[in-house]
N, C-alpha and C. Protein backbone atom coordinates (compact mmCIF):
# COMPACT_ATOMS: atom_id res chain seq x y z
N UNK A 1 42.59 26.78 -77.23
CA UNK A 1 42.23 27.19 -78.57
C UNK A 1 43.30 26.68 -79.53
N UNK A 2 42.91 26.10 -80.62
CA UNK A 2 43.85 25.65 -81.63
C UNK A 2 43.26 25.78 -83.01
N UNK A 3 44.09 26.08 -83.97
CA UNK A 3 43.63 26.21 -85.34
C UNK A 3 44.48 25.30 -86.20
N UNK A 4 43.84 24.43 -86.96
CA UNK A 4 44.59 23.55 -87.85
C UNK A 4 44.62 24.18 -89.23
N UNK A 5 45.81 24.40 -89.75
CA UNK A 5 45.95 24.96 -91.09
C UNK A 5 46.26 23.80 -92.02
N UNK A 6 45.41 23.57 -92.97
CA UNK A 6 45.59 22.46 -93.90
C UNK A 6 44.24 22.06 -94.45
N UNK A 7 44.24 21.29 -95.48
CA UNK A 7 43.00 20.91 -96.13
C UNK A 7 43.04 19.43 -96.45
N UNK A 8 41.88 18.79 -96.42
CA UNK A 8 41.80 17.37 -96.74
C UNK A 8 41.94 17.18 -98.23
N UNK A 9 42.52 16.08 -98.62
CA UNK A 9 42.67 15.79 -100.04
C UNK A 9 44.11 15.49 -100.40
N UNK A 10 44.39 15.51 -101.69
CA UNK A 10 45.74 15.22 -102.15
C UNK A 10 46.14 16.23 -103.22
N UNK A 11 47.43 16.32 -103.46
CA UNK A 11 47.96 17.10 -104.57
C UNK A 11 49.03 16.25 -105.23
N UNK A 12 49.44 16.65 -106.41
CA UNK A 12 50.36 15.82 -107.19
C UNK A 12 51.59 16.63 -107.58
N UNK A 13 52.77 16.05 -107.35
CA UNK A 13 54.03 16.62 -107.78
C UNK A 13 54.82 15.52 -108.46
N UNK A 14 55.29 15.78 -109.67
CA UNK A 14 56.05 14.80 -110.47
C UNK A 14 55.31 13.48 -110.57
N UNK A 15 54.01 13.52 -110.68
CA UNK A 15 53.22 12.31 -110.84
C UNK A 15 53.01 11.52 -109.57
N UNK A 16 53.45 12.05 -108.43
CA UNK A 16 53.29 11.36 -107.15
C UNK A 16 52.22 12.08 -106.34
N UNK A 17 51.27 11.32 -105.81
CA UNK A 17 50.20 11.89 -104.99
C UNK A 17 50.69 12.07 -103.55
N UNK A 18 50.42 13.24 -102.98
CA UNK A 18 50.75 13.53 -101.59
C UNK A 18 49.48 13.94 -100.87
N UNK A 19 49.39 13.58 -99.62
CA UNK A 19 48.24 13.98 -98.80
C UNK A 19 48.46 15.40 -98.32
N UNK A 20 47.41 16.21 -98.32
CA UNK A 20 47.55 17.58 -97.82
C UNK A 20 47.71 17.62 -96.31
N UNK A 21 47.50 16.51 -95.64
CA UNK A 21 47.73 16.51 -94.19
C UNK A 21 49.20 16.71 -93.89
N UNK A 22 50.09 16.40 -94.85
CA UNK A 22 51.51 16.67 -94.68
C UNK A 22 51.74 18.17 -94.53
N UNK A 23 50.87 18.96 -95.16
CA UNK A 23 51.02 20.41 -95.13
C UNK A 23 50.46 21.03 -93.87
N UNK A 24 49.69 20.28 -93.10
CA UNK A 24 49.01 20.85 -91.95
C UNK A 24 49.94 21.16 -90.81
N UNK A 25 49.59 22.15 -90.06
CA UNK A 25 50.30 22.43 -88.84
C UNK A 25 49.28 22.93 -87.84
N UNK A 26 49.56 22.72 -86.58
CA UNK A 26 48.62 23.14 -85.56
C UNK A 26 49.16 24.37 -84.86
N UNK A 27 48.37 25.41 -84.82
CA UNK A 27 48.73 26.62 -84.09
C UNK A 27 47.93 26.62 -82.80
N UNK A 28 48.62 26.59 -81.69
CA UNK A 28 47.97 26.57 -80.39
C UNK A 28 48.15 27.93 -79.74
N UNK A 29 47.06 28.55 -79.37
CA UNK A 29 47.12 29.89 -78.80
C UNK A 29 47.58 29.90 -77.36
N UNK A 30 48.44 30.82 -77.03
CA UNK A 30 48.88 31.04 -75.66
C UNK A 30 48.36 32.42 -75.26
N UNK A 31 48.23 32.64 -73.96
CA UNK A 31 47.76 33.95 -73.51
C UNK A 31 48.74 35.02 -73.93
N UNK A 32 48.22 36.23 -74.10
CA UNK A 32 49.08 37.34 -74.50
C UNK A 32 50.13 37.57 -73.42
N UNK A 33 51.28 38.00 -73.87
CA UNK A 33 52.37 38.32 -72.97
C UNK A 33 53.38 39.13 -73.74
N UNK A 34 54.61 39.08 -73.32
CA UNK A 34 55.65 39.79 -74.05
C UNK A 34 55.90 39.10 -75.38
N UNK A 35 56.30 39.86 -76.35
CA UNK A 35 56.63 39.27 -77.65
C UNK A 35 55.58 39.57 -78.69
N UNK A 36 55.75 38.95 -79.84
CA UNK A 36 54.85 39.18 -80.97
C UNK A 36 53.55 38.41 -80.78
N UNK A 37 52.49 38.93 -81.34
CA UNK A 37 51.19 38.29 -81.23
C UNK A 37 50.59 38.10 -82.61
N UNK A 38 49.65 37.23 -82.70
CA UNK A 38 48.94 37.00 -83.95
C UNK A 38 47.45 37.12 -83.68
N UNK A 39 46.70 37.33 -84.73
CA UNK A 39 45.25 37.41 -84.60
C UNK A 39 44.66 36.20 -85.30
N UNK A 40 43.80 35.48 -84.58
CA UNK A 40 43.05 34.39 -85.21
C UNK A 40 41.91 35.07 -85.95
N UNK A 41 42.00 35.09 -87.27
CA UNK A 41 41.04 35.86 -88.07
C UNK A 41 39.64 35.27 -88.02
N UNK A 42 39.51 34.03 -87.63
CA UNK A 42 38.18 33.44 -87.51
C UNK A 42 37.46 33.91 -86.25
N UNK A 43 38.21 33.99 -85.15
CA UNK A 43 37.59 34.37 -83.87
C UNK A 43 37.93 35.80 -83.45
N UNK A 44 38.86 36.43 -84.15
CA UNK A 44 39.33 37.79 -83.85
C UNK A 44 40.02 37.88 -82.49
N UNK A 45 40.52 36.76 -81.98
CA UNK A 45 41.23 36.76 -80.70
C UNK A 45 42.71 36.99 -80.96
N UNK A 46 43.35 37.70 -80.04
CA UNK A 46 44.78 37.96 -80.14
C UNK A 46 45.50 36.94 -79.27
N UNK A 47 46.48 36.27 -79.82
CA UNK A 47 47.22 35.27 -79.07
C UNK A 47 48.64 35.17 -79.61
N UNK A 48 49.49 34.49 -78.86
CA UNK A 48 50.84 34.20 -79.31
C UNK A 48 50.86 32.75 -79.76
N UNK A 49 51.10 32.48 -81.05
CA UNK A 49 51.00 31.10 -81.53
C UNK A 49 52.24 30.27 -81.26
N UNK A 50 52.01 29.00 -81.04
CA UNK A 50 53.07 28.00 -80.99
C UNK A 50 52.75 27.01 -82.09
N UNK A 51 53.71 26.76 -82.94
CA UNK A 51 53.47 25.88 -84.07
C UNK A 51 54.04 24.50 -83.79
N UNK A 52 53.23 23.49 -84.02
CA UNK A 52 53.67 22.11 -83.86
C UNK A 52 53.74 21.51 -85.26
N UNK A 53 54.97 21.32 -85.76
CA UNK A 53 55.13 20.83 -87.12
C UNK A 53 56.03 19.61 -87.12
N UNK A 54 55.96 18.82 -88.19
CA UNK A 54 56.78 17.62 -88.25
C UNK A 54 58.21 17.93 -88.71
N UNK A 55 59.09 16.95 -88.62
CA UNK A 55 60.50 17.12 -88.94
C UNK A 55 60.71 17.53 -90.39
N UNK A 56 59.92 16.98 -91.31
CA UNK A 56 60.07 17.32 -92.72
C UNK A 56 59.84 18.81 -92.93
N UNK A 57 58.81 19.35 -92.29
CA UNK A 57 58.55 20.78 -92.42
C UNK A 57 59.66 21.61 -91.79
N UNK A 58 60.19 21.16 -90.66
CA UNK A 58 61.28 21.89 -90.01
C UNK A 58 62.50 21.96 -90.93
N UNK A 59 62.83 20.83 -91.58
CA UNK A 59 63.96 20.81 -92.51
C UNK A 59 63.68 21.76 -93.67
N UNK A 60 62.46 21.70 -94.21
CA UNK A 60 62.10 22.56 -95.33
C UNK A 60 62.22 24.03 -94.94
N UNK A 61 61.68 24.42 -93.79
CA UNK A 61 61.76 25.81 -93.35
C UNK A 61 63.21 26.22 -93.13
N UNK A 62 64.01 25.31 -92.60
CA UNK A 62 65.43 25.61 -92.37
C UNK A 62 66.13 25.93 -93.68
N UNK A 63 65.82 25.14 -94.72
CA UNK A 63 66.42 25.37 -96.04
C UNK A 63 65.96 26.72 -96.58
N UNK A 64 64.65 26.98 -96.50
CA UNK A 64 64.12 28.24 -97.01
C UNK A 64 64.72 29.41 -96.25
N UNK A 65 64.81 29.29 -94.93
CA UNK A 65 65.32 30.38 -94.11
C UNK A 65 66.83 30.54 -94.23
N UNK A 66 67.53 29.45 -94.46
CA UNK A 66 68.99 29.50 -94.46
C UNK A 66 69.63 29.67 -95.81
N UNK A 67 69.69 28.61 -96.56
CA UNK A 67 70.46 28.57 -97.79
C UNK A 67 69.96 29.52 -98.87
N UNK A 68 68.67 29.75 -98.94
CA UNK A 68 68.12 30.57 -100.02
C UNK A 68 67.89 32.03 -99.62
N UNK A 69 68.35 32.43 -98.45
CA UNK A 69 68.07 33.78 -97.96
C UNK A 69 68.58 34.87 -98.92
N UNK A 70 69.85 34.81 -99.30
CA UNK A 70 70.42 35.84 -100.17
C UNK A 70 69.74 35.84 -101.54
N UNK A 71 69.50 34.66 -102.09
CA UNK A 71 68.86 34.56 -103.40
C UNK A 71 67.47 35.17 -103.37
N UNK A 72 66.69 34.84 -102.35
CA UNK A 72 65.33 35.37 -102.28
C UNK A 72 65.34 36.88 -102.05
N UNK A 73 66.32 37.39 -101.31
CA UNK A 73 66.43 38.83 -101.10
C UNK A 73 66.82 39.53 -102.40
N UNK A 74 67.84 39.01 -103.09
CA UNK A 74 68.31 39.62 -104.33
C UNK A 74 67.23 39.65 -105.41
N UNK A 75 66.50 38.56 -105.54
CA UNK A 75 65.48 38.44 -106.58
C UNK A 75 64.13 39.01 -106.15
N UNK A 76 64.05 39.45 -104.89
CA UNK A 76 62.79 39.96 -104.33
C UNK A 76 61.65 38.97 -104.54
N UNK A 77 61.95 37.70 -104.24
CA UNK A 77 60.98 36.62 -104.39
C UNK A 77 59.89 36.71 -103.33
N UNK A 78 60.30 37.03 -102.12
CA UNK A 78 59.35 37.05 -101.00
C UNK A 78 58.91 38.47 -100.72
N UNK A 79 57.61 38.71 -100.75
CA UNK A 79 57.11 40.04 -100.47
C UNK A 79 57.14 40.32 -98.97
N UNK A 80 57.29 41.56 -98.61
CA UNK A 80 57.43 41.94 -97.21
C UNK A 80 56.26 41.52 -96.34
N UNK A 81 55.01 41.78 -96.70
CA UNK A 81 53.94 41.44 -95.77
C UNK A 81 53.57 39.97 -95.73
N UNK A 82 53.90 39.19 -96.74
CA UNK A 82 53.43 37.81 -96.77
C UNK A 82 54.39 36.82 -96.16
N UNK A 83 55.61 36.80 -96.59
CA UNK A 83 56.55 35.79 -96.09
C UNK A 83 57.96 36.31 -96.25
N UNK A 84 58.34 37.25 -95.43
CA UNK A 84 59.61 37.92 -95.65
C UNK A 84 60.84 37.15 -95.17
N UNK A 85 60.70 36.22 -94.25
CA UNK A 85 61.81 35.41 -93.78
C UNK A 85 63.06 36.27 -93.51
N UNK A 86 62.90 37.30 -92.74
CA UNK A 86 64.01 38.18 -92.44
C UNK A 86 64.30 38.17 -90.94
N UNK A 87 65.49 38.66 -90.59
CA UNK A 87 65.86 38.73 -89.18
C UNK A 87 64.87 39.60 -88.42
N UNK A 88 64.74 39.30 -87.14
CA UNK A 88 63.85 40.01 -86.23
C UNK A 88 62.38 39.80 -86.57
N UNK A 89 62.06 38.69 -87.20
CA UNK A 89 60.67 38.33 -87.43
C UNK A 89 60.47 36.92 -86.89
N UNK A 90 59.27 36.62 -86.49
CA UNK A 90 58.98 35.31 -85.92
C UNK A 90 58.98 34.24 -87.00
N UNK A 91 59.73 33.18 -86.77
CA UNK A 91 59.77 32.07 -87.71
C UNK A 91 58.40 31.42 -87.82
N UNK A 92 57.70 31.31 -86.72
CA UNK A 92 56.36 30.70 -86.73
C UNK A 92 55.42 31.53 -87.60
N UNK A 93 55.44 32.85 -87.43
CA UNK A 93 54.59 33.71 -88.24
C UNK A 93 54.90 33.56 -89.72
N UNK A 94 56.18 33.60 -90.04
CA UNK A 94 56.58 33.55 -91.45
C UNK A 94 56.33 32.16 -92.04
N UNK A 95 56.58 31.12 -91.28
CA UNK A 95 56.32 29.77 -91.78
C UNK A 95 54.83 29.57 -92.03
N UNK A 96 54.01 30.11 -91.15
CA UNK A 96 52.56 30.02 -91.34
C UNK A 96 52.12 30.79 -92.57
N UNK A 97 52.72 31.95 -92.79
CA UNK A 97 52.39 32.73 -93.98
C UNK A 97 52.84 32.00 -95.25
N UNK A 98 54.03 31.38 -95.18
CA UNK A 98 54.51 30.63 -96.34
C UNK A 98 53.57 29.46 -96.65
N UNK A 99 53.15 28.76 -95.61
CA UNK A 99 52.23 27.64 -95.80
C UNK A 99 50.92 28.11 -96.44
N UNK A 100 50.39 29.23 -95.96
CA UNK A 100 49.15 29.77 -96.53
C UNK A 100 49.35 30.18 -97.98
N UNK A 101 50.50 30.80 -98.28
CA UNK A 101 50.79 31.20 -99.66
C UNK A 101 50.93 29.98 -100.56
N UNK A 102 51.60 28.93 -100.05
CA UNK A 102 51.75 27.68 -100.81
C UNK A 102 50.38 27.09 -101.12
N UNK A 103 49.53 27.04 -100.11
CA UNK A 103 48.20 26.47 -100.31
C UNK A 103 47.39 27.29 -101.30
N UNK A 104 47.50 28.61 -101.21
CA UNK A 104 46.75 29.49 -102.11
C UNK A 104 47.24 29.34 -103.55
N UNK A 105 48.55 29.38 -103.76
CA UNK A 105 49.10 29.37 -105.11
C UNK A 105 49.11 27.98 -105.74
N UNK A 106 49.48 26.96 -104.97
CA UNK A 106 49.65 25.63 -105.54
C UNK A 106 48.38 24.79 -105.43
N UNK A 107 47.84 24.69 -104.23
CA UNK A 107 46.69 23.80 -104.06
C UNK A 107 45.42 24.35 -104.71
N UNK A 108 45.21 25.66 -104.58
CA UNK A 108 43.97 26.23 -105.08
C UNK A 108 44.17 27.04 -106.35
N UNK A 109 45.38 27.53 -106.58
CA UNK A 109 45.65 28.33 -107.77
C UNK A 109 46.20 27.52 -108.92
N UNK A 110 46.43 26.24 -108.70
CA UNK A 110 46.95 25.34 -109.73
C UNK A 110 48.29 25.82 -110.28
N UNK A 111 49.10 26.46 -109.42
CA UNK A 111 50.44 26.88 -109.81
C UNK A 111 51.42 25.73 -109.65
N UNK A 112 52.69 26.02 -109.82
CA UNK A 112 53.72 24.99 -109.69
C UNK A 112 54.69 25.37 -108.57
N UNK A 113 55.19 24.36 -107.91
CA UNK A 113 56.22 24.55 -106.90
C UNK A 113 57.10 23.32 -106.93
N UNK A 114 58.40 23.52 -107.00
CA UNK A 114 59.34 22.41 -107.02
C UNK A 114 60.06 22.36 -105.68
N UNK A 115 59.94 21.25 -104.99
CA UNK A 115 60.50 21.10 -103.66
C UNK A 115 61.26 19.79 -103.58
N UNK A 116 62.40 19.82 -102.92
CA UNK A 116 63.16 18.59 -102.66
C UNK A 116 63.28 18.43 -101.15
N UNK A 117 62.80 17.32 -100.63
CA UNK A 117 62.92 17.02 -99.21
C UNK A 117 64.10 16.08 -99.03
N UNK A 118 65.10 16.54 -98.32
CA UNK A 118 66.31 15.75 -98.11
C UNK A 118 66.52 15.61 -96.61
N UNK A 119 66.64 14.39 -96.14
CA UNK A 119 66.88 14.15 -94.71
C UNK A 119 68.37 14.18 -94.46
N UNK A 120 68.86 15.32 -93.99
CA UNK A 120 70.29 15.50 -93.74
C UNK A 120 70.67 15.22 -92.29
N UNK A 121 69.69 15.02 -91.44
CA UNK A 121 69.97 14.88 -90.02
C UNK A 121 70.91 13.72 -89.67
N UNK A 122 70.70 12.49 -90.20
CA UNK A 122 71.57 11.38 -89.80
C UNK A 122 73.04 11.59 -90.17
N UNK A 123 73.31 12.25 -91.27
CA UNK A 123 74.70 12.41 -91.71
C UNK A 123 74.99 13.88 -91.99
N UNK A 124 74.48 14.75 -91.14
CA UNK A 124 74.55 16.18 -91.39
C UNK A 124 75.96 16.67 -91.70
N UNK A 125 76.94 16.23 -90.93
CA UNK A 125 78.31 16.72 -91.11
C UNK A 125 79.04 16.02 -92.25
N UNK A 126 78.50 14.92 -92.75
CA UNK A 126 79.14 14.18 -93.83
C UNK A 126 78.67 14.59 -95.21
N UNK A 127 77.57 15.29 -95.29
CA UNK A 127 76.99 15.66 -96.58
C UNK A 127 77.74 16.86 -97.16
N UNK A 128 78.27 16.73 -98.39
CA UNK A 128 78.91 17.88 -99.04
C UNK A 128 77.82 18.85 -99.52
N UNK A 129 77.45 19.79 -98.67
CA UNK A 129 76.29 20.65 -98.94
C UNK A 129 76.46 21.49 -100.20
N UNK A 130 77.66 21.99 -100.46
CA UNK A 130 77.87 22.78 -101.67
C UNK A 130 77.61 21.94 -102.92
N UNK A 131 78.07 20.70 -102.89
CA UNK A 131 77.83 19.79 -104.02
C UNK A 131 76.34 19.50 -104.18
N UNK A 132 75.65 19.30 -103.07
CA UNK A 132 74.20 19.06 -103.10
C UNK A 132 73.48 20.23 -103.76
N UNK A 133 73.84 21.46 -103.38
CA UNK A 133 73.20 22.63 -103.98
C UNK A 133 73.57 22.78 -105.45
N UNK A 134 74.81 22.42 -105.83
CA UNK A 134 75.19 22.46 -107.25
C UNK A 134 74.32 21.52 -108.07
N UNK A 135 74.11 20.31 -107.55
CA UNK A 135 73.28 19.33 -108.26
C UNK A 135 71.84 19.82 -108.36
N UNK A 136 71.31 20.37 -107.26
CA UNK A 136 69.94 20.88 -107.28
C UNK A 136 69.80 22.04 -108.27
N UNK A 137 70.78 22.95 -108.28
CA UNK A 137 70.72 24.08 -109.21
C UNK A 137 70.84 23.61 -110.66
N UNK A 138 71.69 22.61 -110.89
CA UNK A 138 71.85 22.08 -112.25
C UNK A 138 70.55 21.45 -112.75
N UNK A 139 69.72 20.99 -111.81
CA UNK A 139 68.45 20.39 -112.21
C UNK A 139 67.32 21.42 -112.24
N UNK A 140 67.66 22.71 -112.05
CA UNK A 140 66.66 23.77 -112.17
C UNK A 140 66.21 24.39 -110.87
N UNK A 141 66.68 23.90 -109.75
CA UNK A 141 66.32 24.49 -108.45
C UNK A 141 67.19 25.73 -108.24
N UNK A 142 66.59 26.87 -107.87
CA UNK A 142 67.40 28.09 -107.69
C UNK A 142 68.33 28.00 -106.49
């Protein structure tokens, strides 16, 4: 059993067209066992999801989960039931909720979202991360 989350088409950020397939992720159901479970709302089956996502999404989730944790908590940006990104919660569950919220607000709600994708992996230890965040904040990124 697998569920693909994503929609065909494109969206536009800063005048650049992006394919919504970039937003897709595949949730593959595993049999119930120990740990947290999810419900496939289409089939009403209970399963433990495994998310298969690309490197860009992993970097994005890492940034959301890591660097912005205190800011999102202080500003109460993330609501508890939708995408709380807190300790002792499944990253897969929360990332899936964030993706659904993004699709609802931006793709279908015509809202705005500002995202910077930075590939830090090749030079991870050489990048002055504090300076990078200062530049991003100076340009309006929280």
